[in-house]
Amino acid sequence: MILSLDIRDVLIIDRLELRFQPGLNVLTGETGAGKSILLDSLGFVLGWRGRADLVRQGAEQGEVIAEFALGPDHPAQAVLQDAGYTPTATLLLRRVNTRDGRKTAYVNDRRATGELLRALSEVLVELHGQQDDRGLLNPRGHRLLLDAYGVDDVLAAQTRAAWRGLRQAEKAHAEEIARLDAMRAEEEFLRHAVAELDALAPEPGEEDALDARRRRMQAAERLRADVARAHAALSEDGAERLLIDAVRWLEGAADGFEGALDAPLEALGRALDALGEAQQGVEAAAETLNIAPGELEAVEDRLFALRGLARKHGVLPDDLAALAQELRDRLERLDNGARALVDLARAEAQARAGYDAAAIALRAAREAAGGRLDAEMAQELAPLKMERAVFRTVIAPSDSGPEGTETVSFEVATNPGAPSGPLSRIASGGELSRFLLALKVCLSRSTTGVTMIFDEIDRGVGGATADAVGRRLHALATGAQVLVVTHSPQVAALGEHHWRVSKETRQDMTLSRVVPLSADQRIEEIARMISGDTITDTARAAARDLLAARAGLAAALPTA
């Protein structure tokens, strides 16, 4: 509910503070008094597109502040949370327009974008009038309106979920087809590469081992000669013979030294033992240098093959084994691709069947809701003196999507047998107003905390028809907030709160004024609306009768 609207230096308003109430609020005044400026100002603070020259002449900037009361479950709370704002019981919108055209917006004293203002406006305010293309006249919103009127939310949610499932299944199927097509294009390469890798059978770490072995074999000749010379130096023709001779000589002389040579002889024995161990170690090392014919060539061939295949595939030699497994996996997927495609095609068909079933159920619910809405509209149009008019909810096939497989549009024919068409094209000004009002009454159950504004929706009607219009506006305002800009005394009399819009000239400057009316002032204003500038006692009496009728009106349901 809108609590207040404060306007500073906008067009012909210098300063204006309005405090609105629940129920039916009416604004009246002579043509040109500034009623449309109030709506322009409200549209400006809500981010709507409108006239650019809003700043009052002589002022540096214009400013509009709107305050709204929000319940904890009001849809605006979700919009605020999505934008990073905390939930609030009171929403304050402020927007400034400078003389040079710069606009600045604030939400609860925090800078905000025009996009956020417009998102909030969608759940805060509904504007209905003969030139309105944002609300009931916009065919793009008719499907949502019909769903809110009489379609179970579960059906719509099931259809959206089934659509997401179908799109996912279609995507998975298409991606697998593309992958298999790409693999089929390289099938010959895959089979050749796998065969080549399997024939070589590379192993991680094999390159380093082969390289070390190759270096040892390349150095074997030099090593073999050194080892042979060392072995000869240690053999019977070398150190061993000399040590044996020394032992023999010392043993022959030992008796003459009375034990003095025992220690040297023991040391020479130990040396001979160590020499024997050395000879065995050298012989064992020499055996490792025995290379079979062609062994070096075979090691080099495999090492070069590993490195060449690695260069060919652009990987390190140690990664060849992993590459081989990857290519085998791709080849296996290709070989098993037909079975995978069958499974994905089956999943897609099942998802499509699920979506079709959900969409058919949703369409049936929409057709049933459309029939109920058409019947209810016929009942609403009769008291508005349009009993010969025909309202139709047209449900036509469209491309499949998350919201189903049909479009919804509201069409009218003003007389039986006349061609039907969109509301905005077929109905005249007065007829259009009544169509919109009847439709809003039927759809009012879908309104959740939205302030409804009707801009001269009673234009072109009078008498009993105007009274019927007023009664329906009064019914809409039960438990809600409705603002009506009207020239009809019957409608004005049914308001629970009444403001008069007027102009005054002060110091060669024309300014608009809006004042709340007392009970006596309401009589005078409604009498003026009845009789014009010259207010007669008869007009005052008629005004009192209209106000008395309002006092006795049952607000629960509109009547004929």
Protein backbone atom coordinates (compact mmCIF):
# COMPACT_ATOMS: atom_id res chain seq x y z
CA MET A 1 0.00 0.00 0.00
CA ILE A 2 1.25 3.48 -0.83
CA LEU A 3 1.37 5.60 2.32
CA SER A 4 2.51 8.94 0.99
CA LEU A 5 3.62 10.82 -2.07
CA ASP A 6 5.79 13.93 -1.64
CA ILE A 7 6.48 16.07 -4.71
CA ARG A 8 8.91 18.99 -4.92
CA ASP A 9 9.28 21.31 -7.94
CA VAL A 10 7.72 19.06 -10.57
CA LEU A 11 5.97 20.83 -13.48
CA ILE A 12 3.38 23.11 -11.84
CA ILE A 13 3.73 21.61 -8.34
CA ASP A 14 6.06 23.45 -6.01
CA ARG A 15 5.45 21.38 -2.88
CA LEU A 16 2.85 18.73 -2.29
CA GLU A 17 2.44 16.09 0.40
CA LEU A 18 -0.26 13.44 0.04
CA ARG A 19 -1.09 10.84 2.67
CA PHE A 20 -3.12 8.00 1.20
CA GLN A 21 -5.30 5.49 3.05
CA PRO A 22 -6.49 1.92 2.53
CA GLY A 23 -9.68 1.47 0.54
CA LEU A 24 -10.96 3.62 -2.30
CA ASN A 25 -9.12 6.95 -2.69
CA VAL A 26 -10.60 9.36 -5.27
CA LEU A 27 -9.02 12.43 -6.83
CA THR A 28 -11.25 14.91 -8.61
CA GLY A 29 -10.83 18.32 -10.17
CA GLU A 30 -11.37 20.29 -13.30
CA THR A 31 -9.64 19.29 -16.52
CA GLY A 32 -6.08 20.61 -16.53
CA ALA A 33 -5.91 21.04 -12.79
CA GLY A 34 -2.95 18.70 -12.54
CA LYS A 35 -4.37 15.23 -11.87
CA SER A 36 -2.21 13.73 -14.61
CA ILE A 37 0.85 15.40 -13.04
CA LEU A 38 0.32 13.30 -9.93
CA LEU A 39 0.46 10.14 -12.04
CA ASP A 40 3.49 11.46 -13.95
CA SER A 41 5.21 12.08 -10.63
CA LEU A 42 4.39 8.63 -9.32
CA GLY A 43 5.57 7.05 -12.57
CA PHE A 44 8.80 9.04 -12.31
CA VAL A 45 9.66 7.78 -8.82
CA LEU A 46 8.79 4.22 -9.96
CA GLY A 47 11.21 4.44 -12.87
CA TRP A 48 8.61 4.46 -15.65
CA ARG A 49 9.43 6.07 -18.94
CA GLY A 50 7.74 9.43 -19.26
CA ARG A 51 8.22 13.07 -20.14
CA ALA A 52 11.72 14.43 -19.70
CA ASP A 53 10.90 18.06 -18.76
CA LEU A 54 9.66 17.43 -15.23
CA VAL A 55 11.54 20.16 -13.35
CA ARG A 56 9.39 23.16 -12.46
CA GLN A 57 10.34 26.36 -14.18
CA GLY A 58 12.83 28.33 -12.07
CA ALA A 59 13.85 25.33 -9.93
CA GLU A 60 17.21 23.55 -10.11
CA GLN A 61 15.80 20.08 -9.59
CA GLY A 62 12.58 18.17 -9.09
CA GLU A 63 12.14 15.47 -6.50
CA VAL A 64 9.52 12.81 -5.78
CA ILE A 65 9.40 10.57 -2.69
CA ALA A 66 6.99 7.66 -2.36
CA GLU A 67 6.54 5.62 0.81
CA PHE A 68 5.01 2.14 0.77
CA ALA A 69 3.96 -0.24 3.55
CA LEU A 70 5.09 -3.83 2.93
CA GLY A 71 3.93 -6.98 4.65
CA PRO A 72 6.50 -9.73 5.32
CA ASP A 73 5.19 -11.78 2.37
CA HIS A 74 4.83 -8.88 -0.06
CA PRO A 75 6.44 -9.72 -3.46
CA ALA A 76 8.56 -6.56 -3.19
CA GLN A 77 10.53 -8.20 -0.36
CA ALA A 78 11.89 -10.80 -2.80
CA VAL A 79 12.85 -8.07 -5.29
CA LEU A 80 14.69 -6.19 -2.56
CA GLN A 81 16.51 -9.29 -1.33
CA ASP A 82 17.63 -10.17 -4.86
CA ALA A 83 19.09 -6.67 -5.12
CA GLY A 84 20.97 -7.00 -1.82
CA TYR A 85 18.55 -5.08 0.42
CA THR A 86 17.30 -6.33 3.77
CA PRO A 87 13.57 -6.95 4.28
CA THR A 88 11.72 -3.89 5.49
CA ALA A 89 8.25 -2.98 6.71
CA THR A 90 8.45 0.45 5.06
CA LEU A 91 9.86 1.08 1.60
CA LEU A 92 11.03 4.60 0.72
CA LEU A 93 11.62 5.43 -2.95
CA ARG A 94 13.21 8.75 -3.86
CA ARG A 95 14.18 10.08 -7.28
CA VAL A 96 15.69 13.40 -8.30
CA ASN A 97 15.71 15.02 -11.74
CA THR A 98 18.11 17.96 -12.24
CA ARG A 99 17.63 20.78 -14.69
CA ASP A 100 20.24 19.29 -17.05
CA GLY A 101 18.37 15.98 -17.17
CA ARG A 102 20.44 13.86 -14.74
CA LYS A 103 18.36 11.44 -12.70
CA THR A 104 19.35 9.86 -9.38
CA ALA A 105 17.34 7.21 -7.56
CA TYR A 106 17.41 5.97 -3.97
CA VAL A 107 15.79 2.96 -2.29
CA ASN A 108 15.65 3.34 1.50
CA ASP A 109 18.28 6.11 1.25
CA ARG A 110 20.65 3.90 -0.75
CA ARG A 111 21.55 4.63 -4.36
CA ALA A 112 19.60 2.44 -6.77
CA THR A 113 19.20 1.90 -10.48
CA GLY A 114 16.18 2.71 -12.57
CA GLU A 115 16.00 -1.00 -13.35
CA LEU A 116 15.44 -1.78 -9.66
CA LEU A 117 12.73 0.90 -9.44
CA ARG A 118 10.92 -0.64 -12.40
CA ALA A 119 11.22 -4.13 -10.92
CA LEU A 120 9.68 -2.85 -7.68
CA SER A 121 6.96 -1.01 -9.54
CA GLU A 122 5.80 -4.28 -11.11
CA VAL A 123 4.77 -5.57 -7.67
CA LEU A 124 3.84 -2.26 -6.01
CA VAL A 125 1.48 -0.52 -8.43
CA GLU A 126 -0.92 -1.36 -11.25
CA LEU A 127 -1.97 1.51 -13.52
CA HIS A 128 -5.11 1.04 -15.60
CA GLY A 129 -6.46 3.51 -18.09
CA GLN A 130 -7.54 3.92 -21.68
CA GLN A 131 -3.97 4.43 -22.86
CA ASP A 132 -2.42 1.85 -20.57
CA ASP A 133 -0.10 -0.56 -22.38
CA ARG A 134 1.64 -1.82 -19.22
CA GLY A 135 -1.26 -3.71 -17.65
CA LEU A 136 -4.37 -5.45 -18.93
CA LEU A 137 -3.99 -4.13 -22.48
CA ASN A 138 -0.58 -5.75 -22.89
CA PRO A 139 -1.18 -9.17 -24.55
CA ARG A 140 2.26 -10.38 -23.44
CA GLY A 141 0.92 -10.56 -19.89
CA HIS A 142 -2.43 -12.22 -20.61
CA ARG A 143 -1.13 -15.75 -20.08
CA LEU A 144 0.20 -14.83 -16.65
CA LEU A 145 -3.09 -13.14 -15.78
CA LEU A 146 -5.09 -16.21 -16.80
CA ASP A 147 -2.78 -18.51 -14.83
CA ALA A 148 -3.11 -16.31 -11.74
CA TYR A 149 -6.88 -16.28 -12.21
CA GLY A 150 -7.59 -19.99 -12.38
CA VAL A 151 -4.64 -22.31 -13.05
CA ASP A 152 -3.06 -24.40 -10.31
CA ASP A 153 0.51 -23.26 -9.64
CA VAL A 154 1.58 -26.91 -9.43
CA LEU A 155 0.70 -27.49 -13.10
CA ALA A 156 2.76 -24.51 -14.23
CA ALA A 157 5.68 -25.58 -12.02
CA GLN A 158 5.52 -29.15 -13.36
CA THR A 159 5.58 -27.86 -16.93
CA ARG A 160 8.59 -25.65 -16.26
CA ALA A 161 10.43 -28.53 -14.57
CA ALA A 162 9.56 -30.91 -17.44
CA TRP A 163 10.81 -28.32 -19.93
CA ARG A 164 14.14 -28.04 -18.11
CA GLY A 165 14.44 -31.84 -18.10
CA LEU A 166 13.66 -32.00 -21.82
CA ARG A 167 16.21 -29.32 -22.67
CA GLN A 168 18.87 -31.15 -20.64
CA ALA A 169 18.08 -34.45 -22.36
CA GLU A 170 18.18 -32.80 -25.79
CA LYS A 171 21.49 -31.18 -24.98
CA ALA A 172 23.07 -34.42 -23.75
CA HIS A 173 21.88 -36.28 -26.85
CA ALA A 174 23.12 -33.58 -29.23
CA GLU A 175 26.49 -33.32 -27.49
CA GLU A 176 27.02 -37.09 -27.69
CA ILE A 177 26.15 -37.06 -31.40
CA ALA A 178 28.66 -34.25 -31.94
CA ARG A 179 31.33 -36.10 -29.95
CA LEU A 180 30.80 -39.31 -31.88
CA ASP A 181 30.83 -37.46 -35.20
CA ALA A 182 34.13 -35.84 -34.23
CA MET A 183 35.56 -39.22 -33.19
CA ARG A 184 34.35 -40.88 -36.38
CA ALA A 185 36.24 -38.24 -38.31
CA GLU A 186 39.43 -39.34 -36.53
CA GLU A 187 38.60 -43.06 -36.29
CA GLU A 188 41.38 -44.06 -38.70
CA PHE A 189 43.89 -42.03 -36.71
CA LEU A 190 42.69 -43.53 -33.42
CA ARG A 191 42.99 -47.11 -34.61
CA HIS A 192 46.43 -46.52 -36.12
CA ALA A 193 47.70 -44.65 -33.05
CA VAL A 194 46.40 -47.28 -30.61
CA ALA A 195 47.95 -50.08 -32.66
CA GLU A 196 51.26 -48.23 -32.83
CA LEU A 197 51.31 -47.52 -29.09
CA ASP A 198 50.22 -51.04 -28.19
CA ALA A 199 52.99 -52.46 -30.39
CA LEU A 200 55.59 -50.36 -28.61
CA ALA A 201 53.99 -50.87 -25.16
CA PRO A 202 55.76 -47.94 -23.47
CA GLU A 203 56.06 -47.84 -19.69
CA PRO A 204 56.47 -44.88 -17.34
CA GLY A 205 60.14 -44.30 -16.44
CA GLU A 206 61.38 -46.47 -19.30
CA GLU A 207 63.19 -43.65 -21.10
CA ASP A 208 65.48 -42.88 -18.15
CA ALA A 209 66.28 -46.56 -17.64
CA LEU A 210 67.11 -47.09 -21.32
CA ASP A 211 69.22 -43.95 -21.49
CA ALA A 212 71.29 -44.99 -18.45
CA ARG A 213 71.74 -48.50 -19.85
CA ARG A 214 72.81 -47.10 -23.22
CA ARG A 215 75.43 -44.87 -21.62
CA ARG A 216 76.85 -47.81 -19.69
CA MET A 217 77.08 -49.96 -22.79
CA GLN A 218 78.68 -47.14 -24.79
CA ALA A 219 81.39 -46.87 -22.08
CA ALA A 220 81.83 -50.67 -21.75
CA GLU A 221 84.96 -50.99 -23.98
CA ARG A 222 86.92 -48.41 -22.02
CA LEU A 223 85.75 -49.85 -18.73
CA ARG A 224 86.54 -53.40 -19.83
CA ALA A 225 90.21 -52.51 -20.60
CA ASP A 226 90.69 -50.77 -17.24
CA VAL A 227 89.18 -53.67 -15.37
CA ALA A 228 91.33 -56.17 -17.29
CA ARG A 229 94.52 -54.28 -16.39
CA ALA A 230 93.43 -54.11 -12.76
CA HIS A 231 92.72 -57.82 -12.78
CA ALA A 232 96.15 -58.56 -14.26
CA ALA A 233 97.82 -56.43 -11.61
CA LEU A 234 96.10 -58.43 -8.90
CA SER A 235 96.61 -61.89 -10.45
CA GLU A 236 99.38 -64.50 -10.14
CA ASP A 237 101.58 -62.51 -12.50
CA GLY A 238 101.22 -59.38 -10.44
CA ALA A 239 100.71 -58.50 -6.81
CA GLU A 240 99.68 -62.00 -5.82
CA ARG A 241 102.98 -63.54 -7.00
CA LEU A 242 105.03 -60.92 -5.22
CA LEU A 243 103.12 -61.41 -1.97
CA ILE A 244 103.54 -65.19 -2.20
CA ASP A 245 107.29 -64.82 -2.82
CA ALA A 246 107.60 -62.51 0.16
CA VAL A 247 105.83 -64.99 2.40
CA ARG A 248 108.08 -67.84 1.20
CA TRP A 249 111.21 -65.82 1.79
CA LEU A 250 110.15 -64.67 5.25
CA GLU A 251 109.10 -68.16 6.29
CA GLY A 252 112.58 -69.44 5.35
CA ALA A 253 114.20 -66.82 7.51
CA ALA A 254 111.74 -66.91 10.42
CA ASP A 255 113.64 -69.49 12.48
CA GLY A 256 116.63 -67.20 12.68
CA PHE A 257 114.58 -64.27 14.05
CA GLU A 258 113.10 -66.11 17.05
CA GLY A 259 109.48 -64.99 16.33
CA ALA A 260 110.23 -61.45 15.22
CA LEU A 261 108.75 -62.20 11.75
CA ASP A 262 105.52 -63.78 13.01
CA ALA A 263 103.57 -60.52 12.93
CA PRO A 264 104.70 -59.57 9.41
CA LEU A 265 103.81 -63.05 8.18
CA GLU A 266 100.32 -62.76 9.73
CA ALA A 267 99.84 -59.38 8.05
CA LEU A 268 100.91 -60.80 4.67
CA GLY A 269 98.37 -63.61 5.15
CA ARG A 270 95.65 -61.14 5.73
CA ALA A 271 96.77 -59.17 2.67
CA LEU A 272 96.59 -62.31 0.54
CA ASP A 273 93.02 -62.93 1.75
CA ALA A 274 92.00 -59.31 0.93
CA LEU A 275 93.72 -59.59 -2.44
CA GLY A 276 91.64 -62.67 -3.19
CA GLU A 277 88.43 -60.80 -2.36
CA ALA A 278 89.49 -57.94 -4.61
CA GLN A 279 90.18 -60.33 -7.46
CA GLN A 280 86.69 -61.85 -7.11
CA GLY A 281 85.03 -58.40 -7.11
CA VAL A 282 86.94 -57.31 -10.21
CA GLU A 283 86.00 -60.54 -11.99
CA ALA A 284 82.30 -60.02 -11.11
CA ALA A 285 82.40 -56.44 -12.41
CA ALA A 286 84.05 -57.59 -15.59
CA GLU A 287 81.24 -60.07 -16.20
CA THR A 288 78.71 -57.20 -16.23
CA LEU A 289 80.57 -55.67 -19.12
CA ASN A 290 79.90 -58.65 -21.30
CA ILE A 291 77.40 -57.25 -23.89
CA ALA A 292 75.67 -59.59 -26.29
CA PRO A 293 76.07 -58.76 -29.97
CA GLY A 294 73.43 -56.23 -31.11
CA GLU A 295 72.27 -55.45 -27.57
CA LEU A 296 73.41 -51.80 -27.68
CA GLU A 297 71.75 -51.34 -31.04
CA ALA A 298 68.51 -52.81 -29.71
CA VAL A 299 68.51 -50.47 -26.68
CA GLU A 300 69.21 -47.44 -28.88
CA ASP A 301 66.46 -48.43 -31.33
CA ARG A 302 63.84 -48.65 -28.54
CA LEU A 303 65.00 -45.39 -26.94
CA PHE A 304 64.78 -43.58 -30.27
CA ALA A 305 61.36 -45.17 -30.96
CA LEU A 306 60.02 -43.94 -27.61
CA ARG A 307 61.27 -40.42 -28.18
CA GLY A 308 60.06 -40.30 -31.77
CA LEU A 309 56.54 -41.44 -30.83
CA ALA A 310 56.46 -38.90 -27.99
CA ARG A 311 57.38 -36.10 -30.41
CA LYS A 312 54.74 -37.31 -32.84
CA HIS A 313 51.97 -37.01 -30.24
CA GLY A 314 53.37 -33.93 -28.53
CA VAL A 315 53.86 -35.55 -25.12
CA LEU A 316 56.74 -36.61 -22.90
CA PRO A 317 57.98 -40.21 -23.30
CA ASP A 318 56.81 -40.99 -19.77
CA ASP A 319 53.27 -39.91 -20.76
CA LEU A 320 52.96 -42.32 -23.70
CA ALA A 321 51.39 -45.07 -21.57
CA ALA A 322 48.67 -42.68 -20.31
CA LEU A 323 48.08 -41.40 -23.85
CA ALA A 324 47.66 -44.95 -25.07
CA GLN A 325 44.98 -45.59 -22.43
CA GLU A 326 43.19 -42.35 -23.29
CA LEU A 327 43.11 -43.21 -26.99
CA ARG A 328 41.91 -46.74 -26.19
CA ASP A 329 39.09 -45.24 -24.10
CA ARG A 330 38.07 -42.94 -26.95
CA LEU A 331 38.11 -45.80 -29.36
CA GLU A 332 36.01 -47.87 -26.97
CA ARG A 333 33.50 -45.01 -26.70
CA LEU A 334 33.35 -44.87 -30.45
CA ASP A 335 32.79 -48.61 -30.70
CA ASN A 336 30.10 -48.41 -27.99
CA GLY A 337 28.66 -45.13 -29.31
CA ALA A 338 25.63 -46.67 -30.97
CA ARG A 339 24.43 -48.14 -27.67
CA ALA A 340 25.01 -44.81 -25.85
CA LEU A 341 23.03 -42.94 -28.52
CA VAL A 342 20.15 -45.35 -28.15
CA ASP A 343 20.08 -44.76 -24.39
CA LEU A 344 20.23 -40.97 -24.80
CA ALA A 345 17.56 -41.00 -27.50
CA ARG A 346 15.34 -43.05 -25.18
CA ALA A 347 15.95 -40.59 -22.33
CA GLU A 348 15.09 -37.67 -24.60
CA ALA A 349 11.90 -39.36 -25.77
CA GLN A 350 10.88 -40.00 -22.17
CA ALA A 351 11.60 -36.37 -21.24
CA ARG A 352 9.58 -35.18 -24.23
CA ALA A 353 6.68 -37.40 -23.28
CA GLY A 354 6.82 -36.02 -19.73
CA TYR A 355 6.83 -32.45 -21.02
CA ASP A 356 4.00 -33.13 -23.48
CA ALA A 357 1.88 -34.63 -20.71
CA ALA A 358 2.53 -31.67 -18.40
CA ALA A 359 1.88 -29.17 -21.21
CA ILE A 360 -1.38 -30.90 -22.17
CA ALA A 361 -2.56 -30.79 -18.57
CA LEU A 362 -1.61 -27.12 -18.34
CA ARG A 363 -3.40 -26.33 -21.59
CA ALA A 364 -6.54 -28.11 -20.37
CA ALA A 365 -6.41 -26.10 -17.14
CA ARG A 366 -5.99 -22.87 -19.11
CA GLU A 367 -8.91 -23.72 -21.38
CA ALA A 368 -11.09 -24.46 -18.35
CA ALA A 369 -9.96 -21.24 -16.65
CA GLY A 370 -10.58 -19.32 -19.87
CA GLY A 371 -14.14 -20.66 -20.02
CA ARG A 372 -14.78 -19.63 -16.42
CA LEU A 373 -13.29 -16.18 -17.04
CA ASP A 374 -15.45 -15.67 -20.16
CA ALA A 375 -18.59 -16.58 -18.20
CA GLU A 376 -17.65 -14.34 -15.29
CA MET A 377 -16.89 -11.48 -17.67
CA ALA A 378 -20.34 -11.83 -19.23
CA GLN A 379 -21.88 -11.42 -15.77
CA GLU A 380 -19.73 -8.37 -15.05
CA LEU A 381 -20.36 -6.66 -18.39
CA ALA A 382 -24.16 -6.78 -18.16
CA PRO A 383 -24.48 -4.27 -15.27
CA LEU A 384 -22.04 -2.03 -17.11
CA LYS A 385 -24.57 -1.76 -19.98
CA MET A 386 -22.50 -4.00 -22.22
CA GLU A 387 -24.71 -7.07 -22.12
CA ARG A 388 -24.39 -7.51 -25.90
CA ALA A 389 -20.60 -7.45 -25.84
CA VAL A 390 -18.64 -10.69 -25.97
CA PHE A 391 -15.35 -11.30 -24.18
CA ARG A 392 -13.26 -14.27 -25.30
CA THR A 393 -10.11 -15.83 -23.91
CA VAL A 394 -8.28 -17.01 -27.02
CA ILE A 395 -5.81 -19.85 -26.52
CA ALA A 396 -3.70 -20.49 -29.61
CA PRO A 397 -0.84 -22.94 -30.27
CA SER A 398 2.68 -21.58 -30.08
CA ASP A 399 6.22 -22.86 -29.93
CA SER A 400 6.94 -25.09 -26.95
CA GLY A 401 8.57 -23.42 -24.00
CA PRO A 402 8.81 -23.43 -20.21
CA GLU A 403 5.33 -21.87 -19.94
CA GLY A 404 3.63 -24.40 -22.18
CA THR A 405 2.66 -24.68 -25.82
CA GLU A 406 0.13 -21.89 -26.25
CA THR A 407 -0.37 -18.16 -26.21
CA VAL A 408 -3.24 -16.46 -24.41
CA SER A 409 -4.91 -13.25 -25.50
CA PHE A 410 -8.06 -11.45 -24.43
CA GLU A 411 -10.33 -10.43 -27.32
CA VAL A 412 -13.66 -8.67 -27.45
CA ALA A 413 -16.55 -8.13 -29.82
CA THR A 414 -18.75 -5.18 -28.95
CA ASN A 415 -21.84 -6.74 -30.55
CA PRO A 416 -22.91 -10.32 -31.33
CA GLY A 417 -21.76 -11.33 -34.80
CA ALA A 418 -19.18 -8.54 -34.97
CA PRO A 419 -15.58 -9.56 -35.51
CA SER A 420 -13.56 -9.93 -32.36
CA GLY A 421 -10.11 -8.50 -31.80
CA PRO A 422 -7.68 -7.23 -29.18
CA LEU A 423 -9.13 -5.03 -26.46
CA SER A 424 -7.18 -1.95 -27.51
CA ARG A 425 -8.31 -2.14 -31.16
CA ILE A 426 -11.95 -3.08 -30.96
CA ALA A 427 -13.38 -1.19 -28.02
CA SER A 428 -14.06 2.55 -28.00
CA GLY A 429 -12.83 4.73 -25.14
CA GLY A 430 -15.85 4.25 -22.88
CA GLU A 431 -16.23 0.59 -23.80
CA LEU A 432 -12.56 -0.05 -23.20
CA SER A 433 -12.79 1.44 -19.72
CA ARG A 434 -15.65 -0.85 -18.81
CA PHE A 435 -13.98 -3.90 -20.31
CA LEU A 436 -10.84 -3.18 -18.30
CA LEU A 437 -12.79 -2.63 -15.11
CA ALA A 438 -14.79 -5.83 -15.51
CA LEU A 439 -11.62 -7.76 -16.27
CA LYS A 440 -9.86 -6.31 -13.25
CA VAL A 441 -12.79 -7.27 -11.02
CA CYS A 442 -12.61 -10.84 -12.29
CA LEU A 443 -8.83 -10.97 -11.88
CA SER A 444 -8.72 -9.21 -8.52
CA ARG A 445 -8.13 -12.48 -6.65
CA SER A 446 -4.59 -12.53 -8.11
CA THR A 447 -3.75 -9.12 -6.68
CA THR A 448 -1.37 -9.42 -3.72
CA GLY A 449 -0.56 -6.15 -1.96
CA VAL A 450 -0.61 -4.09 -5.16
CA THR A 451 -2.00 -0.56 -5.19
CA MET A 452 -4.41 -0.28 -8.15
CA ILE A 453 -4.65 3.07 -9.92
CA PHE A 454 -7.45 3.81 -12.38
CA ASP A 455 -6.91 6.89 -14.52
CA GLU A 456 -10.29 8.23 -15.69
CA ILE A 457 -11.45 4.70 -16.37
CA ASP A 458 -15.05 6.01 -16.16
CA ARG A 459 -14.56 8.42 -19.06
CA GLY A 460 -17.47 8.39 -21.48
CA VAL A 461 -20.00 6.78 -19.14
CA GLY A 462 -22.61 8.24 -16.83
CA GLY A 463 -25.84 7.58 -14.99
CA ALA A 464 -26.47 3.98 -13.96
CA THR A 465 -23.38 2.81 -15.82
CA ALA A 466 -21.16 5.21 -13.89
CA ASP A 467 -22.78 3.98 -10.69
CA ALA A 468 -22.01 0.38 -11.67
CA VAL A 469 -18.41 1.40 -12.39
CA GLY A 470 -18.16 3.03 -8.98
CA ARG A 471 -19.60 0.03 -7.21
CA ARG A 472 -17.03 -2.25 -8.81
CA LEU A 473 -14.20 0.07 -7.89
CA HIS A 474 -15.55 0.14 -4.35
CA ALA A 475 -15.62 -3.68 -4.31
CA LEU A 476 -12.04 -3.85 -5.59
CA ALA A 477 -10.96 -1.58 -2.76
CA THR A 478 -12.28 -3.95 -0.10
CA GLY A 479 -9.21 -5.15 1.74
CA ALA A 480 -6.97 -3.36 -0.76
CA GLN A 481 -5.95 0.13 -1.87
CA VAL A 482 -7.40 1.71 -5.00
CA LEU A 483 -6.63 5.21 -6.33
CA VAL A 484 -9.07 6.61 -8.88
CA VAL A 485 -8.76 9.78 -10.94
CA THR A 486 -12.35 10.51 -11.95
CA HIS A 487 -14.76 13.07 -13.42
CA SER A 488 -17.80 11.01 -12.43
CA PRO A 489 -19.78 12.16 -9.37
CA GLN A 490 -21.18 8.64 -8.91
CA VAL A 491 -17.64 7.23 -8.66
CA ALA A 492 -16.37 10.09 -6.49
CA ALA A 493 -19.22 9.61 -4.02
CA LEU A 494 -18.24 5.98 -3.46
CA GLY A 495 -14.72 6.88 -2.37
CA GLU A 496 -13.74 6.44 1.25
CA HIS A 497 -11.13 9.23 0.97
CA HIS A 498 -11.45 12.21 -1.33
CA TRP A 499 -8.89 14.75 -2.62
CA ARG A 500 -9.55 17.74 -4.85
CA VAL A 501 -6.96 18.86 -7.38
CA SER A 502 -7.05 22.52 -8.35
CA LYS A 503 -4.90 25.25 -9.87
CA GLU A 504 -4.18 28.68 -8.54
CA THR A 505 -2.17 31.57 -9.91
CA ARG A 506 0.21 33.34 -7.54
CA GLN A 507 2.65 36.06 -8.59
CA ASP A 508 2.14 35.21 -12.27
CA MET A 509 2.92 31.56 -11.53
CA THR A 510 0.39 28.75 -11.92
CA LEU A 511 0.60 26.07 -9.24
CA SER A 512 -1.35 22.87 -8.62
CA ARG A 513 -2.85 22.13 -5.22
CA VAL A 514 -4.26 18.89 -3.80
CA VAL A 515 -6.26 19.01 -0.57
CA PRO A 516 -8.17 16.33 1.33
CA LEU A 517 -11.88 17.08 1.62
CA SER A 518 -14.06 17.06 4.72
CA ALA A 519 -17.62 15.72 4.61
CA ASP A 520 -19.09 19.17 3.82
CA GLN A 521 -16.38 19.88 1.26
CA ARG A 522 -17.16 16.57 -0.45
CA ILE A 523 -20.76 17.66 -0.88
CA GLU A 524 -19.63 20.87 -2.56
CA GLU A 525 -17.12 19.07 -4.82
CA ILE A 526 -19.56 16.39 -5.93
CA ALA A 527 -22.24 19.04 -6.48
CA ARG A 528 -19.75 20.92 -8.70
CA MET A 529 -19.14 17.72 -10.66
CA ILE A 530 -22.90 17.38 -11.15
CA SER A 531 -23.84 20.95 -12.07
CA GLY A 532 -20.63 22.66 -13.15
CA ASP A 533 -19.32 26.03 -11.97
CA THR A 534 -22.73 27.19 -10.65
CA ILE A 535 -23.58 24.90 -7.75
CA THR A 536 -27.30 24.67 -7.08
CA ASP A 537 -29.19 23.38 -4.09
CA THR A 538 -30.52 20.62 -6.30
CA ALA A 539 -26.95 19.55 -7.09
CA ARG A 540 -26.09 19.61 -3.37
CA ALA A 541 -29.11 17.45 -2.61
CA ALA A 542 -28.08 15.01 -5.34
CA ALA A 543 -24.57 14.96 -3.89
CA ARG A 544 -25.94 14.15 -0.43
CA ASP A 545 -28.01 11.30 -1.92
CA LEU A 546 -24.94 9.85 -3.64
CA LEU A 547 -22.93 10.01 -0.41
CA ALA A 548 -25.77 8.46 1.55
CA ALA A 549 -25.93 5.62 -0.96
CA ARG A 550 -22.22 5.01 -0.39
CA ALA A 551 -22.75 4.84 3.35
CA GLY A 552 -25.27 2.03 2.88
CA LEU A 553 -23.35 0.13 0.22
CA ALA A 554 -22.45 -3.45 1.03
CA ALA A 555 -18.78 -3.69 0.24
CA ALA A 556 -18.54 -7.46 -0.03
CA LEU A 557 -19.61 -7.89 -3.66
CA PRO A 558 -20.46 -5.50 -6.50
CA THR A 559 -24.13 -5.43 -7.44
CA ALA A 560 -25.99 -4.34 -10.52
